[in-house]
């Protein structure tokens, strides 16, 4: 599994937990309608700025979204 595929799956998993659609999150973050589709099509990761925005929106750490830890909690 590629890093970007794992990243997308973690986003979807956390959105399902919060009962939020991918399109709603993209709209609320100001991403284009095709942001996630383009990321999947090109097997790419978002910029650091967008990664942080997604993590904050989902209330998880960037390390968790990047697959560097299994713990979603943000270290404070």
N, C-alpha and C. Protein backbone atom coordinates (compact mmCIF):
# COMPACT_ATOMS: atom_id res chain seq x y z
N UNK A 1 0.85 -1.18 0.00
CA UNK A 1 0.00 0.00 0.00
C UNK A 1 0.90 1.24 0.00
N UNK A 2 0.59 2.19 -0.85
CA UNK A 2 1.39 3.41 -0.91
C UNK A 2 1.04 4.33 0.26
N UNK A 3 1.97 5.22 0.56
CA UNK A 3 1.73 6.19 1.65
C UNK A 3 0.49 7.03 1.39
N UNK A 4 0.31 7.44 0.14
CA UNK A 4 -0.84 8.29 -0.17
C UNK A 4 -2.15 7.49 -0.05
N UNK A 5 -2.11 6.21 -0.39
CA UNK A 5 -3.31 5.37 -0.24
C UNK A 5 -3.64 5.19 1.24
N UNK A 6 -2.65 4.93 2.06
CA UNK A 6 -2.86 4.79 3.50
C UNK A 6 -3.38 6.10 4.08
N UNK A 7 -2.83 7.21 3.63
CA UNK A 7 -3.25 8.54 4.06
C UNK A 7 -4.74 8.75 3.76
N UNK A 8 -5.14 8.45 2.53
CA UNK A 8 -6.55 8.62 2.14
C UNK A 8 -7.46 7.72 2.97
N UNK A 9 -7.03 6.49 3.22
CA UNK A 9 -7.85 5.57 4.01
C UNK A 9 -8.02 6.05 5.45
N UNK A 10 -6.96 6.62 6.03
CA UNK A 10 -7.07 7.15 7.39
C UNK A 10 -8.01 8.35 7.44
N UNK A 11 -7.96 9.19 6.42
CA UNK A 11 -8.89 10.33 6.36
C UNK A 11 -10.32 9.81 6.30
N UNK A 12 -10.58 8.88 5.42
CA UNK A 12 -11.94 8.35 5.25
C UNK A 12 -12.41 7.68 6.53
N UNK A 13 -11.54 6.90 7.17
CA UNK A 13 -11.89 6.23 8.43
C UNK A 13 -12.30 7.26 9.48
N UNK A 14 -11.52 8.33 9.62
CA UNK A 14 -11.81 9.34 10.64
C UNK A 14 -13.03 10.17 10.29
N UNK A 15 -13.27 10.39 9.02
CA UNK A 15 -14.49 11.09 8.62
C UNK A 15 -15.72 10.25 8.93
N UNK A 16 -15.63 8.95 8.70
CA UNK A 16 -16.76 8.06 9.00
C UNK A 16 -17.06 8.07 10.49
N UNK A 17 -16.02 8.07 11.33
CA UNK A 17 -16.21 8.13 12.78
C UNK A 17 -16.96 9.39 13.17
N UNK A 18 -16.65 10.49 12.50
CA UNK A 18 -17.28 11.78 12.81
C UNK A 18 -18.55 12.02 12.00
N UNK A 19 -18.90 11.05 11.13
CA UNK A 19 -20.09 11.15 10.28
C UNK A 19 -20.05 12.41 9.41
N UNK A 20 -18.90 12.62 8.78
CA UNK A 20 -18.70 13.77 7.89
C UNK A 20 -18.29 13.24 6.52
N UNK A 21 -18.81 13.82 5.47
CA UNK A 21 -18.45 13.39 4.12
C UNK A 21 -17.14 14.03 3.69
N UNK A 22 -16.48 13.37 2.78
CA UNK A 22 -15.24 13.89 2.21
C UNK A 22 -15.48 15.22 1.52
N UNK A 23 -16.60 15.33 0.81
CA UNK A 23 -16.90 16.58 0.11
C UNK A 23 -17.17 17.72 1.08
N UNK A 24 -17.82 17.42 2.22
CA UNK A 24 -18.08 18.46 3.21
C UNK A 24 -16.77 18.97 3.80
N UNK A 25 -15.85 18.04 4.12
CA UNK A 25 -14.57 18.46 4.67
C UNK A 25 -13.81 19.31 3.65
N UNK A 26 -13.77 18.86 2.40
CA UNK A 26 -13.06 19.60 1.37
C UNK A 26 -13.64 21.02 1.23
N UNK A 27 -14.95 21.13 1.24
CA UNK A 27 -15.59 22.44 1.12
C UNK A 27 -15.26 23.32 2.32
N UNK A 28 -15.36 22.76 3.54
CA UNK A 28 -15.11 23.55 4.74
C UNK A 28 -13.64 23.98 4.86
N UNK A 29 -12.74 23.20 4.27
CA UNK A 29 -11.32 23.56 4.30
C UNK A 29 -10.92 24.45 3.12
N UNK A 30 -11.85 24.66 2.19
CA UNK A 30 -11.56 25.51 1.04
C UNK A 30 -10.76 24.82 -0.04
N UNK A 31 -10.79 23.48 -0.05
CA UNK A 31 -10.10 22.72 -1.09
C UNK A 31 -11.02 22.64 -2.30
N UNK A 32 -10.45 22.46 -3.46
CA UNK A 32 -11.24 22.30 -4.67
C UNK A 32 -12.05 21.02 -4.62
N UNK A 33 -13.12 20.95 -5.39
CA UNK A 33 -13.99 19.78 -5.42
C UNK A 33 -13.24 18.51 -5.81
N UNK A 34 -12.22 18.65 -6.62
CA UNK A 34 -11.50 17.47 -7.11
C UNK A 34 -10.20 17.20 -6.34
N UNK A 35 -9.98 17.89 -5.24
CA UNK A 35 -8.72 17.76 -4.50
C UNK A 35 -8.39 16.30 -4.18
N UNK A 36 -9.31 15.59 -3.54
CA UNK A 36 -9.03 14.22 -3.14
C UNK A 36 -9.03 13.26 -4.32
N UNK A 37 -9.87 13.50 -5.31
CA UNK A 37 -9.87 12.66 -6.51
C UNK A 37 -8.54 12.81 -7.25
N UNK A 38 -8.06 14.04 -7.34
CA UNK A 38 -6.77 14.28 -8.00
C UNK A 38 -5.63 13.62 -7.23
N UNK A 39 -5.71 13.69 -5.90
CA UNK A 39 -4.68 13.07 -5.07
C UNK A 39 -4.66 11.56 -5.31
N UNK A 40 -5.84 10.97 -5.43
CA UNK A 40 -5.93 9.53 -5.68
C UNK A 40 -5.45 9.19 -7.08
N UNK A 41 -5.89 9.94 -8.05
CA UNK A 41 -5.55 9.68 -9.45
C UNK A 41 -4.04 9.76 -9.67
N UNK A 42 -3.40 10.72 -9.04
CA UNK A 42 -1.96 10.92 -9.26
C UNK A 42 -1.11 10.28 -8.17
N UNK A 43 -1.76 9.62 -7.19
CA UNK A 43 -1.08 8.95 -6.09
C UNK A 43 -0.08 9.90 -5.42
N UNK A 44 -0.60 11.06 -5.02
CA UNK A 44 0.24 12.09 -4.40
C UNK A 44 -0.25 12.41 -2.99
N UNK A 45 0.60 13.08 -2.26
CA UNK A 45 0.28 13.54 -0.92
C UNK A 45 0.00 15.05 -0.99
N UNK A 46 -0.77 15.57 -0.01
CA UNK A 46 -1.03 17.01 -0.01
C UNK A 46 0.19 17.79 0.46
N UNK A 47 0.16 19.08 0.25
CA UNK A 47 1.22 19.95 0.76
C UNK A 47 1.20 19.91 2.29
N UNK A 48 2.27 20.34 2.90
CA UNK A 48 2.35 20.38 4.36
C UNK A 48 1.23 21.24 4.94
N UNK A 49 0.94 22.34 4.29
CA UNK A 49 -0.12 23.24 4.75
C UNK A 49 -1.48 22.53 4.77
N UNK A 50 -1.77 21.79 3.70
CA UNK A 50 -3.05 21.09 3.63
C UNK A 50 -3.08 19.89 4.58
N UNK A 51 -1.94 19.24 4.76
CA UNK A 51 -1.85 18.14 5.72
C UNK A 51 -2.20 18.62 7.12
N UNK A 52 -1.64 19.74 7.51
CA UNK A 52 -1.93 20.31 8.83
C UNK A 52 -3.40 20.68 8.94
N UNK A 53 -3.97 21.28 7.90
CA UNK A 53 -5.38 21.67 7.92
C UNK A 53 -6.28 20.44 8.09
N UNK A 54 -5.97 19.37 7.39
CA UNK A 54 -6.76 18.14 7.50
C UNK A 54 -6.63 17.55 8.90
N UNK A 55 -5.42 17.50 9.42
CA UNK A 55 -5.20 16.96 10.77
C UNK A 55 -5.96 17.77 11.81
N UNK A 56 -5.90 19.08 11.70
CA UNK A 56 -6.63 19.93 12.66
C UNK A 56 -8.13 19.72 12.52
N UNK A 57 -8.62 19.62 11.32
CA UNK A 57 -10.05 19.41 11.08
C UNK A 57 -10.51 18.10 11.71
N UNK A 58 -9.70 17.06 11.56
CA UNK A 58 -10.05 15.74 12.09
C UNK A 58 -9.66 15.57 13.56
N UNK A 59 -8.94 16.55 14.09
CA UNK A 59 -8.46 16.52 15.47
C UNK A 59 -7.56 15.31 15.73
N UNK A 60 -6.64 15.08 14.79
CA UNK A 60 -5.64 14.02 14.92
C UNK A 60 -4.27 14.61 14.60
N UNK A 61 -3.23 13.85 14.90
CA UNK A 61 -1.89 14.35 14.62
C UNK A 61 -1.52 14.12 13.16
N UNK A 62 -0.61 14.93 12.67
CA UNK A 62 -0.11 14.72 11.31
C UNK A 62 0.67 13.41 11.24
N UNK A 63 1.37 13.05 12.30
CA UNK A 63 2.10 11.77 12.33
C UNK A 63 1.14 10.60 12.13
N UNK A 64 -0.02 10.68 12.73
CA UNK A 64 -1.04 9.64 12.57
C UNK A 64 -1.48 9.54 11.11
N UNK A 65 -1.78 10.68 10.50
CA UNK A 65 -2.22 10.67 9.10
C UNK A 65 -1.13 10.18 8.15
N UNK A 66 0.11 10.41 8.53
CA UNK A 66 1.24 9.98 7.70
C UNK A 66 1.64 8.53 7.97
N UNK A 67 0.95 7.89 8.91
CA UNK A 67 1.24 6.49 9.20
C UNK A 67 2.47 6.27 10.05
N UNK A 68 2.93 7.33 10.74
CA UNK A 68 4.12 7.22 11.57
C UNK A 68 3.81 6.74 12.98
N UNK A 69 2.53 6.76 13.35
CA UNK A 69 2.09 6.27 14.66
C UNK A 69 0.67 5.74 14.52
N UNK A 70 0.31 4.84 15.41
CA UNK A 70 -1.06 4.32 15.41
C UNK A 70 -1.95 5.13 16.33
N UNK A 71 -1.37 6.08 17.05
CA UNK A 71 -2.12 6.88 18.02
C UNK A 71 -2.56 8.19 17.36
N UNK A 72 -3.86 8.41 17.26
CA UNK A 72 -4.34 9.63 16.61
C UNK A 72 -4.21 10.89 17.44
N UNK A 73 -3.96 10.74 18.74
CA UNK A 73 -3.92 11.90 19.63
C UNK A 73 -2.80 12.86 19.24
N UNK A 74 -3.08 14.12 19.44
CA UNK A 74 -2.10 15.17 19.20
C UNK A 74 -1.27 15.33 20.48
N UNK A 75 0.04 15.32 20.35
CA UNK A 75 0.91 15.54 21.51
C UNK A 75 0.88 17.01 21.88
N UNK A 76 0.62 17.27 23.14
CA UNK A 76 0.58 18.67 23.60
C UNK A 76 1.45 18.81 24.80
